[in-house]
C-alpha atoms as a PDB file:
ATOM      1  CA  MET A   1      64.908  -0.589   4.926  1.00  0.00           C
ATOM      2  CA  GLN A   2      61.660   0.395   6.278  1.00  0.00           C
ATOM      3  CA  THR A   3      61.417   3.557   4.047  1.00  0.00           C
ATOM      4  CA  GLN A   4      61.934   1.830   0.948  1.00  0.00           C
ATOM      5  CA  SER A   5      59.336  -1.117   1.848  1.00  0.00           C
ATOM      6  CA  VAL A   6      56.595   1.352   1.870  1.00  0.00           C
ATOM      7  CA  PHE A   7      58.160   3.482  -0.539  1.00  0.00           C
ATOM      8  CA  LEU A   8      57.603   0.393  -3.528  1.00  0.00           C
ATOM      9  CA  PRO A   9      54.289  -0.163  -2.748  1.00  0.00           C
ATOM     10  CA  ALA A  10      53.430   3.268  -3.126  1.00  0.00           C
ATOM     11  CA  LEU A  11      55.329   3.392  -6.515  1.00  0.00           C
ATOM     12  CA  PHE A  12      53.702   0.475  -7.473  1.00  0.00           C
ATOM     13  CA  PHE A  13      50.515   1.905  -7.131  1.00  0.00           C
ATOM     14  CA  ALA A  14      51.200   5.354  -8.210  1.00  0.00           C
ATOM     15  CA  PHE A  15      51.663   3.793 -11.685  1.00  0.00           C
ATOM     16  CA  LEU A  16      48.966   1.023 -11.560  1.00  0.00           C
ATOM     17  CA  LEU A  17      46.243   3.453 -10.633  1.00  0.00           C
ATOM     18  CA  PRO A  18      46.481   6.054 -13.461  1.00  0.00           C
ATOM     19  CA  SER A  19      46.433   2.875 -15.993  1.00  0.00           C
ATOM     20  CA  ALA A  20      43.678   1.589 -14.166  1.00  0.00           C
ATOM     21  CA  ALA A  21      41.467   4.801 -14.572  1.00  0.00           C
ATOM     22  CA  VAL A  22      41.881   5.146 -18.111  1.00  0.00           C
ATOM     23  CA  ALA A  23      41.195   1.543 -19.051  1.00  0.00           C
ATOM     24  CA  GLN A  24      37.514   1.887 -17.818  1.00  0.00           C
ATOM     25  CA  PRO A  25      35.012   2.836 -19.844  1.00  0.00           C
ATOM     26  CA  ALA A  26      33.648   6.393 -20.291  1.00  0.00           C
ATOM     27  CA  GLN A  27      30.417   7.254 -18.031  1.00  0.00           C
ATOM     28  CA  ALA A  28      27.038   7.698 -20.014  1.00  0.00           C
ATOM     29  CA  SER A  29      25.772  11.210 -20.225  1.00  0.00           C
ATOM     30  CA  ILE A  30      22.302  12.518 -20.621  1.00  0.00           C
ATOM     31  CA  GLN A  31      21.685  15.794 -22.971  1.00  0.00           C
ATOM     32  CA  LEU A  32      19.895  18.440 -21.360  1.00  0.00           C
ATOM     33  CA  LYS A  33      18.679  20.683 -23.250  1.00  0.00           C
ATOM     34  CA  VAL A  34      17.080  24.219 -22.080  1.00  0.00           C
ATOM     35  CA  MET A  35      13.567  24.923 -23.798  1.00  0.00           C
ATOM     36  CA  THR A  36      11.895  28.342 -22.826  1.00  0.00           C
ATOM     37  CA  GLY A  37      14.323  28.525 -19.700  1.00  0.00           C
ATOM     38  CA  LYS A  38      13.406  25.103 -18.284  1.00  0.00           C
ATOM     39  CA  PRO A  39      15.536  22.009 -18.284  1.00  0.00           C
ATOM     40  CA  VAL A  40      13.974  19.452 -20.529  1.00  0.00           C
ATOM     41  CA  VAL A  41      15.519  15.904 -21.081  1.00  0.00           C
ATOM     42  CA  ASP A  42      14.355  13.300 -24.269  1.00  0.00           C
ATOM     43  CA  GLY A  43      14.340   9.419 -23.910  1.00  0.00           C
ATOM     44  CA  VAL A  44      12.218   9.024 -20.667  1.00  0.00           C
ATOM     45  CA  PHE A  45      10.487   5.470 -20.664  1.00  0.00           C
ATOM     46  CA  LEU A  46       7.703   4.520 -18.303  1.00  0.00           C
ATOM     47  CA  ASN A  47       7.515   0.897 -17.841  1.00  0.00           C
ATOM     48  CA  GLY A  48       9.497   0.270 -21.481  1.00  0.00           C
ATOM     49  CA  HIS A  49       6.808   2.716 -23.243  1.00  0.00           C
ATOM     50  CA  GLY A  50       8.637   6.020 -24.579  1.00  0.00           C
ATOM     51  CA  PRO A  51      10.380   7.819 -25.311  1.00  0.00           C
ATOM     52  CA  TYR A  52       9.157  10.699 -23.968  1.00  0.00           C
ATOM     53  CA  ARG A  53      10.149  14.355 -23.289  1.00  0.00           C
ATOM     54  CA  PHE A  54      10.018  15.359 -19.799  1.00  0.00           C
ATOM     55  CA  LEU A  55      11.036  18.545 -17.622  1.00  0.00           C
ATOM     56  CA  LEU A  56      13.490  18.180 -14.783  1.00  0.00           C
ATOM     57  CA  ASP A  57      12.595  19.850 -11.885  1.00  0.00           C
ATOM     58  CA  THR A  58      14.805  19.757  -8.685  1.00  0.00           C
ATOM     59  CA  GLY A  59      12.236  21.753  -6.570  1.00  0.00           C
ATOM     60  CA  SER A  60       9.648  20.030  -7.076  1.00  0.00           C
ATOM     61  CA  GLN A  61       9.488  16.719  -4.881  1.00  0.00           C
ATOM     62  CA  SER A  62       7.110  14.342  -6.803  1.00  0.00           C
ATOM     63  CA  ASN A  63       7.309  13.057 -10.840  1.00  0.00           C
ATOM     64  CA  GLN A  64       4.255  14.281 -12.753  1.00  0.00           C
ATOM     65  CA  VAL A  65       2.799  12.559 -15.724  1.00  0.00           C
ATOM     66  CA  ASP A  66       0.520  13.933 -18.436  1.00  0.00           C
ATOM     67  CA  SER A  67      -3.224  12.576 -17.231  1.00  0.00           C
ATOM     68  CA  SER A  68      -3.839  11.675 -20.922  1.00  0.00           C
ATOM     69  CA  LEU A  69      -0.571   9.535 -21.127  1.00  0.00           C
ATOM     70  CA  ALA A  70      -1.304   7.918 -18.267  1.00  0.00           C
ATOM     71  CA  ARG A  71      -4.261   6.577 -19.231  1.00  0.00           C
ATOM     72  CA  LYS A  72      -2.974   5.539 -22.442  1.00  0.00           C
ATOM     73  CA  LEU A  73       0.038   3.891 -20.569  1.00  0.00           C
ATOM     74  CA  GLY A  74      -2.791   1.912 -18.228  1.00  0.00           C
ATOM     75  CA  LEU A  75      -1.619   3.454 -15.230  1.00  0.00           C
ATOM     76  CA  ALA A  76      -4.115   2.869 -12.468  1.00  0.00           C
ATOM     77  CA  ALA A  77      -4.633   5.785  -9.775  1.00  0.00           C
ATOM     78  CA  ALA A  78      -3.880   4.828  -6.531  1.00  0.00           C
ATOM     79  CA  LEU A  79      -3.692   7.915  -4.501  1.00  0.00           C
ATOM     80  CA  GLN A  80      -5.671  11.063  -4.229  1.00  0.00           C
ATOM     81  CA  LEU A  81      -4.255  14.414  -2.805  1.00  0.00           C
ATOM     82  CA  ASP A  82      -5.227  18.051  -2.998  1.00  0.00           C
ATOM     83  CA  LEU A  83      -2.163  19.486  -4.770  1.00  0.00           C
ATOM     84  CA  GLN A  84      -1.474  23.375  -3.722  1.00  0.00           C
ATOM     85  CA  THR A  85       0.048  25.513  -6.523  1.00  0.00           C
ATOM     86  CA  PRO A  86      -0.032  29.474  -7.376  1.00  0.00           C
ATOM     87  CA  SER A  87      -3.170  29.319  -9.129  1.00  0.00           C
ATOM     88  CA  GLY A  88      -4.739  27.337  -6.342  1.00  0.00           C
ATOM     89  CA  GLU A  89      -5.809  24.094  -5.035  1.00  0.00           C
ATOM     90  CA  SER A  90      -7.025  21.017  -6.989  1.00  0.00           C
ATOM     91  CA  THR A  91      -7.558  17.450  -6.237  1.00  0.00           C
ATOM     92  CA  VAL A  92      -5.128  15.252  -8.203  1.00  0.00           C
ATOM     93  CA  HIS A  93      -4.974  11.089  -8.852  1.00  0.00           C
ATOM     94  CA  GLY A  94      -1.223   9.325  -8.908  1.00  0.00           C
ATOM     95  CA  GLY A  95       0.115   5.922  -9.042  1.00  0.00           C
ATOM     96  CA  ARG A  96       3.101   4.173  -9.418  1.00  0.00           C
ATOM     97  CA  VAL A  97       5.221   3.443 -12.154  1.00  0.00           C
ATOM     98  CA  SER A  98       7.328   0.234 -12.010  1.00  0.00           C
ATOM     99  CA  LYS A  99      10.330   1.582 -14.020  1.00  0.00           C
ATOM    100  CA  VAL A 100      11.547   4.851 -15.097  1.00  0.00           C
ATOM    101  CA  THR A 101      14.531   5.061 -17.774  1.00  0.00           C
ATOM    102  CA  LEU A 102      16.508   8.039 -18.324  1.00  0.00           C
ATOM    103  CA  GLY A 103      19.329   6.914 -20.760  1.00  0.00           C
ATOM    104  CA  PRO A 104      21.505   4.905 -18.801  1.00  0.00           C
ATOM    105  CA  VAL A 105      20.111   5.644 -15.193  1.00  0.00           C
ATOM    106  CA  GLU A 106      16.622   3.887 -14.017  1.00  0.00           C
ATOM    107  CA  ALA A 107      14.684   3.764 -11.048  1.00  0.00           C
ATOM    108  CA  SER A 108      11.821   1.497 -10.026  1.00  0.00           C
ATOM    109  CA  ASP A 109       8.473   1.834  -8.133  1.00  0.00           C
ATOM    110  CA  GLN A 110       8.503   5.739  -8.829  1.00  0.00           C
ATOM    111  CA  GLU A 111       5.433   7.457  -7.612  1.00  0.00           C
ATOM    112  CA  PHE A 112       3.553   9.812 -10.536  1.00  0.00           C
ATOM    113  CA  LEU A 113       0.960  12.434 -10.097  1.00  0.00           C
ATOM    114  CA  PHE A 114      -1.216  12.461 -12.682  1.00  0.00           C
ATOM    115  CA  THR A 115      -1.517  16.306 -14.052  1.00  0.00           C
ATOM    116  CA  ARG A 116      -3.170  17.996 -16.816  1.00  0.00           C
ATOM    117  CA  PHE A 117      -0.323  20.029 -18.926  1.00  0.00           C
ATOM    118  CA  ASP A 118      -2.264  21.389 -21.351  1.00  0.00           C
ATOM    119  CA  ASP A 119      -3.149  24.002 -18.765  1.00  0.00           C
ATOM    120  CA  LEU A 120       0.356  25.201 -18.514  1.00  0.00           C
ATOM    121  CA  SER A 121       1.063  27.609 -21.586  1.00  0.00           C
ATOM    122  CA  THR A 122       4.299  28.201 -20.213  1.00  0.00           C
ATOM    123  CA  LEU A 123       5.694  24.544 -21.080  1.00  0.00           C
ATOM    124  CA  PRO A 124       6.746  23.340 -24.466  1.00  0.00           C
ATOM    125  CA  PRO A 125       3.707  21.431 -25.978  1.00  0.00           C
ATOM    126  CA  ASP A 126       5.705  18.179 -26.070  1.00  0.00           C
ATOM    127  CA  ILE A 127       6.536  17.962 -22.470  1.00  0.00           C
ATOM    128  CA  ARG A 128       4.573  14.952 -20.921  1.00  0.00           C
ATOM    129  CA  GLY A 129       5.971  14.792 -17.618  1.00  0.00           C
ATOM    130  CA  ILE A 130       8.129  16.081 -14.822  1.00  0.00           C
ATOM    131  CA  LEU A 131      11.366  14.257 -13.230  1.00  0.00           C
ATOM    132  CA  GLY A 132      11.269  15.598  -9.764  1.00  0.00           C
ATOM    133  CA  GLN A 133      13.580  14.411  -6.576  1.00  0.00           C
ATOM    134  CA  GLU A 134      11.345  11.261  -6.253  1.00  0.00           C
ATOM    135  CA  PHE A 135      13.332  10.242  -9.441  1.00  0.00           C
ATOM    136  CA  LEU A 136      16.481  12.661  -8.999  1.00  0.00           C
ATOM    137  CA  ALA A 137      17.475  11.537  -5.543  1.00  0.00           C
ATOM    138  CA  ASN A 138      18.499   8.198  -6.760  1.00  0.00           C
ATOM    139  CA  PHE A 139      21.338   9.458  -8.610  1.00  0.00           C
ATOM    140  CA  ASP A 140      24.259  11.466  -8.085  1.00  0.00           C
END
């Protein structure tokens, strides 16, 4: 008799759970493009301004935004650091963006370095920033 009481609830959940999974709305996705061998996303919004095209860089800890776009958006420089790159060391300013939105996902209080992308001839010319682990670590 005890086997029966365990079996009936198990049978109930076996039929209930698959139908519940089907009834859930599909998760939204983000379209990733590969341009000049680099992963790129469209539709990045910074504090509600955009959409902008950004590079995704899982190997970079920090987010970056083109310094001319940072000025245009009125982002305040609140930090300064020395950045080491393969081409040498440079001093970079940065600040915080209250809200970064990419498709259905959003992260708040994100740190961005203000950099110049016009010096990087390997990037497509319409790239306005880089989303690094600062942003990506918030999502699975």
